[in-house]
Amino acid sequence: MKKLILLLLFIPLISFGQKIEVIKDHPYLGSIYERVGGQDYNYINGNEVSKESILYSHIRGEKPTGSYEVKVEAFQIKVGIFPTRTVRGYKVQNSDEAIRDINRANRGSSVKITVLEAVKIDGDFQSPIYIEPFIVTIK
């Protein structure tokens, strides 16, 4: 009898015959972000970037609008002819191999960054997002 009463309490919450549309979030643009002397710099696909900016900056997704946070949790970086490196977190500094590759790379070398895991944080709600891979050039 208790199961029947509980079932009847939930029936009004179910709407039969209506479609529920799930809206897929748009892809976010990837960037290298640094703050120097109170000034913010974002390097996006196609930009030239110094080795120091790559080494000491944050990898992130550019949010179009809103008061939410975008957090990168893992990414891959491929510098020039060196192998692809996987990095946990949002800083190149988390991988000694990636640091070594950047320091050994020549001017004009390409740096491809592919975000593997990222989340959008809106209050207590977190949802996975896709950040587009991007390529910058070492200047």
N, C-alpha and C. Protein backbone atom coordinates (compact mmCIF):
# COMPACT_ATOMS: atom_id res chain seq x y z
N MET A 1 0.82 -1.18 0.00
CA MET A 1 0.00 0.00 0.00
C MET A 1 0.87 1.27 0.00
N LYS A 2 1.99 1.26 0.76
CA LYS A 2 2.88 2.43 0.80
C LYS A 2 3.47 2.72 -0.57
N LYS A 3 3.82 1.67 -1.33
CA LYS A 3 4.39 1.87 -2.65
C LYS A 3 3.38 2.53 -3.58
N LEU A 4 2.14 2.15 -3.51
CA LEU A 4 1.09 2.71 -4.35
C LEU A 4 0.88 4.19 -4.04
N ILE A 5 0.90 4.56 -2.78
CA ILE A 5 0.71 5.95 -2.39
C ILE A 5 1.87 6.80 -2.90
N LEU A 6 3.08 6.30 -2.75
CA LEU A 6 4.24 7.05 -3.25
C LEU A 6 4.18 7.21 -4.76
N LEU A 7 3.78 6.20 -5.48
CA LEU A 7 3.66 6.25 -6.92
C LEU A 7 2.63 7.29 -7.33
N LEU A 8 1.52 7.34 -6.65
CA LEU A 8 0.48 8.30 -6.99
C LEU A 8 0.92 9.74 -6.73
N LEU A 9 1.79 9.94 -5.76
CA LEU A 9 2.28 11.28 -5.47
C LEU A 9 3.17 11.82 -6.60
N PHE A 10 3.85 10.95 -7.31
CA PHE A 10 4.78 11.38 -8.36
C PHE A 10 4.14 11.47 -9.75
N ILE A 11 2.99 10.91 -9.94
CA ILE A 11 2.35 10.91 -11.27
C ILE A 11 2.10 12.32 -11.79
N PRO A 12 1.63 13.27 -10.98
CA PRO A 12 1.40 14.61 -11.54
C PRO A 12 2.66 15.30 -12.05
N LEU A 13 3.83 14.87 -11.61
CA LEU A 13 5.07 15.49 -12.04
C LEU A 13 5.50 15.02 -13.43
N ILE A 14 4.93 13.94 -13.91
CA ILE A 14 5.30 13.38 -15.21
C ILE A 14 4.40 13.97 -16.27
N SER A 15 4.99 14.48 -17.33
CA SER A 15 4.21 15.06 -18.42
C SER A 15 4.34 14.15 -19.63
N PHE A 16 3.27 13.46 -19.96
CA PHE A 16 3.30 12.52 -21.07
C PHE A 16 3.10 13.25 -22.39
N GLY A 17 3.80 12.80 -23.41
CA GLY A 17 3.61 13.33 -24.75
C GLY A 17 4.37 14.61 -25.04
N GLN A 18 5.09 15.15 -24.10
CA GLN A 18 5.86 16.36 -24.36
C GLN A 18 7.33 16.01 -24.60
N LYS A 19 7.92 16.67 -25.55
CA LYS A 19 9.33 16.44 -25.84
C LYS A 19 10.19 17.32 -24.95
N ILE A 20 11.27 16.74 -24.48
CA ILE A 20 12.24 17.50 -23.71
C ILE A 20 13.44 17.72 -24.61
N GLU A 21 13.81 18.96 -24.82
CA GLU A 21 14.93 19.28 -25.69
C GLU A 21 16.17 19.58 -24.84
N VAL A 22 17.23 18.86 -25.13
CA VAL A 22 18.50 19.11 -24.45
C VAL A 22 19.34 19.95 -25.40
N ILE A 23 19.71 21.13 -24.95
CA ILE A 23 20.49 22.04 -25.78
C ILE A 23 21.97 21.79 -25.51
N LYS A 24 22.68 21.44 -26.56
CA LYS A 24 24.12 21.19 -26.43
C LYS A 24 24.85 22.52 -26.35
N ASP A 25 25.76 22.63 -25.41
CA ASP A 25 26.55 23.84 -25.24
C ASP A 25 27.48 24.00 -26.44
N HIS A 26 27.72 25.22 -26.85
CA HIS A 26 28.60 25.51 -27.98
C HIS A 26 30.04 25.21 -27.59
N PRO A 27 30.91 24.97 -28.57
CA PRO A 27 32.33 24.76 -28.24
C PRO A 27 32.95 26.08 -27.76
N TYR A 28 33.82 25.98 -26.82
CA TYR A 28 34.52 27.14 -26.30
C TYR A 28 35.85 27.29 -27.03
N LEU A 29 36.32 28.52 -27.15
CA LEU A 29 37.61 28.77 -27.78
C LEU A 29 38.70 28.59 -26.73
N GLY A 30 39.74 27.86 -27.10
CA GLY A 30 40.86 27.67 -26.19
C GLY A 30 41.80 28.86 -26.23
N SER A 31 42.49 29.10 -25.13
CA SER A 31 43.45 30.20 -25.10
C SER A 31 44.51 29.96 -24.03
N ILE A 32 45.59 30.71 -24.18
CA ILE A 32 46.63 30.78 -23.15
C ILE A 32 46.43 32.13 -22.49
N TYR A 33 46.25 32.12 -21.17
CA TYR A 33 45.95 33.35 -20.44
C TYR A 33 47.07 33.66 -19.47
N GLU A 34 47.48 34.93 -19.46
CA GLU A 34 48.45 35.37 -18.47
C GLU A 34 48.10 36.78 -18.00
N ARG A 35 48.49 37.06 -16.79
CA ARG A 35 48.31 38.40 -16.21
C ARG A 35 49.68 38.93 -15.83
N VAL A 36 50.05 40.04 -16.44
CA VAL A 36 51.37 40.64 -16.20
C VAL A 36 51.17 42.12 -15.84
N GLY A 37 51.65 42.49 -14.66
CA GLY A 37 51.56 43.89 -14.24
C GLY A 37 50.15 44.43 -14.22
N GLY A 38 49.20 43.59 -13.84
CA GLY A 38 47.80 44.02 -13.80
C GLY A 38 47.09 44.00 -15.15
N GLN A 39 47.79 43.60 -16.19
CA GLN A 39 47.23 43.55 -17.54
C GLN A 39 46.95 42.10 -17.93
N ASP A 40 45.78 41.82 -18.50
CA ASP A 40 45.41 40.48 -18.95
C ASP A 40 45.77 40.30 -20.42
N TYR A 41 46.33 39.12 -20.74
CA TYR A 41 46.66 38.77 -22.12
C TYR A 41 46.08 37.41 -22.43
N ASN A 42 45.41 37.30 -23.57
CA ASN A 42 44.87 36.03 -24.05
C ASN A 42 45.46 35.76 -25.42
N TYR A 43 46.08 34.61 -25.56
CA TYR A 43 46.65 34.20 -26.84
C TYR A 43 45.76 33.10 -27.39
N ILE A 44 45.23 33.33 -28.57
CA ILE A 44 44.30 32.38 -29.17
C ILE A 44 44.91 31.78 -30.44
N ASN A 45 44.14 30.93 -31.09
CA ASN A 45 44.58 30.25 -32.30
C ASN A 45 45.23 31.23 -33.28
N GLY A 46 46.45 30.90 -33.71
CA GLY A 46 47.15 31.70 -34.70
C GLY A 46 48.07 32.77 -34.15
N ASN A 47 48.00 33.04 -32.85
CA ASN A 47 48.86 34.08 -32.25
C ASN A 47 50.30 33.60 -32.09
N GLU A 48 51.22 34.56 -32.02
CA GLU A 48 52.61 34.29 -31.65
C GLU A 48 52.73 34.52 -30.15
N VAL A 49 53.45 33.63 -29.48
CA VAL A 49 53.55 33.67 -28.02
C VAL A 49 54.99 33.39 -27.61
N SER A 50 55.47 34.10 -26.60
CA SER A 50 56.82 33.84 -26.09
C SER A 50 56.84 32.52 -25.31
N LYS A 51 58.01 31.94 -25.21
CA LYS A 51 58.16 30.71 -24.42
C LYS A 51 57.74 30.94 -22.98
N GLU A 52 58.10 32.08 -22.42
CA GLU A 52 57.77 32.38 -21.03
C GLU A 52 56.26 32.44 -20.82
N SER A 53 55.55 33.03 -21.78
CA SER A 53 54.10 33.11 -21.67
C SER A 53 53.46 31.72 -21.67
N ILE A 54 54.00 30.84 -22.50
CA ILE A 54 53.47 29.47 -22.53
C ILE A 54 53.78 28.76 -21.21
N LEU A 55 54.99 28.93 -20.74
CA LEU A 55 55.43 28.21 -19.54
C LEU A 55 54.71 28.65 -18.27
N TYR A 56 54.42 29.93 -18.13
CA TYR A 56 53.92 30.44 -16.86
C TYR A 56 52.45 30.89 -16.90
N SER A 57 51.74 30.54 -17.94
CA SER A 57 50.35 30.95 -18.09
C SER A 57 49.39 29.81 -17.78
N HIS A 58 48.11 30.10 -17.94
CA HIS A 58 47.05 29.11 -17.73
C HIS A 58 46.42 28.76 -19.07
N ILE A 59 46.10 27.50 -19.24
CA ILE A 59 45.33 27.06 -20.40
C ILE A 59 43.87 27.16 -19.98
N ARG A 60 43.05 27.77 -20.82
CA ARG A 60 41.65 27.92 -20.43
C ARG A 60 40.74 28.00 -21.64
N GLY A 61 39.47 27.96 -21.36
CA GLY A 61 38.43 28.14 -22.38
C GLY A 61 37.84 29.52 -22.21
N GLU A 62 37.67 30.21 -23.30
CA GLU A 62 37.10 31.55 -23.25
C GLU A 62 35.58 31.47 -23.15
N LYS A 63 35.03 31.99 -22.07
CA LYS A 63 33.58 32.00 -21.93
C LYS A 63 33.01 33.21 -22.66
N PRO A 64 31.93 33.01 -23.42
CA PRO A 64 31.37 34.12 -24.18
C PRO A 64 30.73 35.18 -23.29
N THR A 65 29.90 34.78 -22.36
CA THR A 65 29.26 35.69 -21.41
C THR A 65 28.86 34.88 -20.19
N GLY A 66 28.48 35.56 -19.15
CA GLY A 66 27.97 34.85 -17.98
C GLY A 66 28.89 34.96 -16.79
N SER A 67 28.36 34.56 -15.65
CA SER A 67 29.10 34.69 -14.41
C SER A 67 29.62 33.33 -13.93
N TYR A 68 29.81 32.43 -14.84
CA TYR A 68 30.31 31.11 -14.48
C TYR A 68 31.81 31.02 -14.73
N GLU A 69 32.40 29.96 -14.20
CA GLU A 69 33.84 29.73 -14.35
C GLU A 69 34.06 28.57 -15.30
N VAL A 70 35.10 28.64 -16.11
CA VAL A 70 35.51 27.53 -16.97
C VAL A 70 36.84 27.02 -16.44
N LYS A 71 36.89 25.73 -16.11
CA LYS A 71 38.10 25.16 -15.51
C LYS A 71 38.63 24.01 -16.36
N VAL A 72 39.89 24.12 -16.78
CA VAL A 72 40.57 23.06 -17.52
C VAL A 72 41.18 22.10 -16.50
N GLU A 73 40.91 20.81 -16.68
CA GLU A 73 41.43 19.81 -15.74
C GLU A 73 42.53 18.94 -16.34
N ALA A 74 42.61 18.88 -17.67
CA ALA A 74 43.67 18.12 -18.34
C ALA A 74 43.75 18.57 -19.80
N PHE A 75 44.97 18.55 -20.34
CA PHE A 75 45.15 18.91 -21.74
C PHE A 75 46.38 18.20 -22.30
N GLN A 76 46.48 18.20 -23.63
CA GLN A 76 47.66 17.69 -24.31
C GLN A 76 48.36 18.86 -24.98
N ILE A 77 49.69 18.78 -25.03
CA ILE A 77 50.46 19.81 -25.70
C ILE A 77 51.48 19.13 -26.60
N LYS A 78 51.56 19.61 -27.84
CA LYS A 78 52.55 19.11 -28.80
C LYS A 78 53.35 20.30 -29.28
N VAL A 79 54.64 20.25 -29.00
CA VAL A 79 55.54 21.35 -29.35
C VAL A 79 56.43 20.89 -30.49
N GLY A 80 56.29 21.55 -31.66
CA GLY A 80 57.13 21.25 -32.81
C GLY A 80 57.19 19.77 -33.13
N ILE A 81 58.42 19.23 -33.21
CA ILE A 81 58.62 17.82 -33.59
C ILE A 81 58.61 16.88 -32.38
N PHE A 82 58.46 17.43 -31.19
CA PHE A 82 58.49 16.61 -29.98
C PHE A 82 57.17 15.84 -29.81
N PRO A 83 57.19 14.75 -29.03
CA PRO A 83 55.97 13.97 -28.84
C PRO A 83 54.88 14.76 -28.10
N THR A 84 53.66 14.31 -28.25
CA THR A 84 52.54 14.91 -27.53
C THR A 84 52.64 14.55 -26.05
N ARG A 85 52.45 15.54 -25.20
CA ARG A 85 52.51 15.34 -23.74
C ARG A 85 51.13 15.58 -23.14
N THR A 86 50.76 14.76 -22.17
CA THR A 86 49.50 14.94 -21.46
C THR A 86 49.80 15.60 -20.12
N VAL A 87 49.02 16.63 -19.82
CA VAL A 87 49.25 17.43 -18.60
C VAL A 87 47.96 17.44 -17.78
N ARG A 88 48.08 17.14 -16.48
CA ARG A 88 46.94 17.25 -15.56
C ARG A 88 46.89 18.68 -15.05
N GLY A 89 45.71 19.24 -14.92
CA GLY A 89 45.55 20.61 -14.47
C GLY A 89 45.52 21.56 -15.64
N TYR A 90 45.78 22.84 -15.38
CA TYR A 90 45.66 23.87 -16.40
C TYR A 90 46.97 24.62 -16.66
N LYS A 91 48.08 24.12 -16.11
CA LYS A 91 49.37 24.80 -16.28
C LYS A 91 50.38 23.88 -16.95
N VAL A 92 51.15 24.40 -17.88
CA VAL A 92 52.25 23.66 -18.50
C VAL A 92 53.26 23.26 -17.43
N GLN A 93 53.38 24.08 -16.39
CA GLN A 93 54.32 23.82 -15.29
C GLN A 93 54.09 22.47 -14.62
N ASN A 94 52.95 21.84 -14.83
CA ASN A 94 52.65 20.55 -14.22
C ASN A 94 53.34 19.38 -14.93
N SER A 95 54.05 19.65 -16.01
CA SER A 95 54.73 18.58 -16.77
C SER A 95 56.18 18.97 -17.06
N ASP A 96 57.11 18.26 -16.45
CA ASP A 96 58.53 18.52 -16.71
C ASP A 96 58.88 18.27 -18.17
N GLU A 97 58.26 17.27 -18.79
CA GLU A 97 58.52 16.97 -20.20
C GLU A 97 58.07 18.11 -21.10
N ALA A 98 56.89 18.66 -20.84
CA ALA A 98 56.38 19.77 -21.65
C ALA A 98 57.28 21.00 -21.48
N ILE A 99 57.73 21.26 -20.27
CA ILE A 99 58.64 22.38 -20.02
C ILE A 99 59.91 22.21 -20.82
N ARG A 100 60.47 21.00 -20.79
CA ARG A 100 61.70 20.70 -21.53
C ARG A 100 61.48 20.91 -23.04
N ASP A 101 60.35 20.43 -23.56
CA ASP A 101 60.05 20.58 -25.00
C ASP A 101 59.97 22.05 -25.40
N ILE A 102 59.29 22.85 -24.60
CA ILE A 102 59.15 24.28 -24.91
C ILE A 102 60.51 24.97 -24.87
N ASN A 103 61.31 24.67 -23.87
CA ASN A 103 62.63 25.29 -23.76
C ASN A 103 63.55 24.90 -24.91
N ARG A 104 63.38 23.69 -25.45
CA ARG A 104 64.23 23.23 -26.55
C ARG A 104 63.71 23.62 -27.93
N ALA A 105 62.48 24.10 -28.00
CA ALA A 105 61.87 24.43 -29.29
C ALA A 105 62.49 25.68 -29.89
N ASN A 106 62.50 25.73 -31.21
CA ASN A 106 63.03 26.88 -31.94
C ASN A 106 61.94 27.93 -32.14
N ARG A 107 62.38 29.13 -32.38
CA ARG A 107 61.46 30.20 -32.76
C ARG A 107 60.72 29.78 -34.02
N GLY A 108 59.42 30.02 -34.06
CA GLY A 108 58.60 29.62 -35.21
C GLY A 108 57.98 28.23 -35.06
N SER A 109 58.36 27.51 -34.00
CA SER A 109 57.77 26.19 -33.77
C SER A 109 56.29 26.33 -33.39
N SER A 110 55.50 25.38 -33.86
CA SER A 110 54.08 25.41 -33.51
C SER A 110 53.85 24.69 -32.19
N VAL A 111 52.85 25.14 -31.47
CA VAL A 111 52.45 24.53 -30.21
C VAL A 111 50.95 24.26 -30.31
N LYS A 112 50.60 22.99 -30.34
CA LYS A 112 49.18 22.62 -30.44
C LYS A 112 48.70 22.20 -29.05
N ILE A 113 47.59 22.79 -28.63
CA ILE A 113 47.01 22.47 -27.33
C ILE A 113 45.61 21.92 -27.55
N THR A 114 45.39 20.73 -27.00
CA THR A 114 44.09 20.07 -27.07
C THR A 114 43.61 19.82 -25.66
N VAL A 115 42.52 20.46 -25.28
CA VAL A 115 41.97 20.28 -23.94
C VAL A 115 41.23 18.94 -23.91
N LEU A 116 41.59 18.11 -22.94
CA LEU A 116 40.98 16.78 -22.80
C LEU A 116 39.79 16.80 -21.85
N GLU A 117 39.90 17.56 -20.77
CA GLU A 117 38.83 17.63 -19.78
C GLU A 117 38.68 19.07 -19.33
N ALA A 118 37.42 19.53 -19.33
CA ALA A 118 37.11 20.88 -18.84
C ALA A 118 35.68 20.88 -18.34
N VAL A 119 35.41 21.74 -17.38
CA VAL A 119 34.06 21.86 -16.83
C VAL A 119 33.66 23.33 -16.74
N LYS A 120 32.37 23.55 -16.86
CA LYS A 120 31.77 24.85 -16.62
C LYS A 120 31.18 24.79 -15.23
N ILE A 121 31.54 25.74 -14.39
CA ILE A 121 31.07 25.78 -13.01
C ILE A 121 30.15 26.97 -12.85
N ASP A 122 28.90 26.69 -12.55
CA ASP A 122 27.89 27.74 -12.36
C ASP A 122 27.27 27.51 -10.99
N GLY A 123 27.80 28.19 -9.99
CA GLY A 123 27.35 27.96 -8.61
C GLY A 123 27.81 26.59 -8.16
N ASP A 124 26.87 25.76 -7.75
CA ASP A 124 27.19 24.40 -7.32
C ASP A 124 27.09 23.40 -8.46
N PHE A 125 26.67 23.85 -9.63
CA PHE A 125 26.45 22.95 -10.76
C PHE A 125 27.68 22.93 -11.66
N GLN A 126 28.19 21.73 -11.98
CA GLN A 126 29.32 21.57 -12.89
C GLN A 126 28.88 20.71 -14.07
N SER A 127 29.27 21.12 -15.26
CA SER A 127 28.96 20.31 -16.44
C SER A 127 30.18 20.28 -17.36
N PRO A 128 30.45 19.13 -17.98
CA PRO A 128 31.60 19.03 -18.89
C PRO A 128 31.36 19.88 -20.13
N ILE A 129 32.43 20.46 -20.65
CA ILE A 129 32.34 21.27 -21.87
C ILE A 129 33.45 20.86 -22.84
N TYR A 130 33.28 21.26 -24.07
CA TYR A 130 34.28 21.00 -25.11
C TYR A 130 34.98 22.32 -25.45
N ILE A 131 36.30 22.29 -25.41
CA ILE A 131 37.12 23.45 -25.79
C ILE A 131 37.87 23.08 -27.07
N GLU A 132 37.73 23.91 -28.07
CA GLU A 132 38.37 23.62 -29.36
C GLU A 132 39.89 23.63 -29.24
N PRO A 133 40.55 22.68 -29.91
CA PRO A 133 42.03 22.71 -29.94
C PRO A 133 42.51 23.99 -30.63
N PHE A 134 43.71 24.42 -30.28
CA PHE A 134 44.24 25.62 -30.92
C PHE A 134 45.75 25.51 -31.06
N ILE A 135 46.28 26.30 -31.99
CA ILE A 135 47.71 26.28 -32.30
C ILE A 135 48.25 27.70 -32.21
N VAL A 136 49.35 27.84 -31.49
CA VAL A 136 50.08 29.12 -31.42
C VAL A 136 51.50 28.87 -31.91
N THR A 137 52.22 29.95 -32.16
CA THR A 137 53.59 29.85 -32.66
C THR A 137 54.53 30.52 -31.66
N ILE A 138 55.66 29.88 -31.41
CA ILE A 138 56.65 30.46 -30.51
C ILE A 138 57.36 31.62 -31.22
N LYS A 139 57.40 32.78 -30.54
CA LYS A 139 58.10 33.94 -31.13
C LYS A 139 59.47 34.14 -30.50
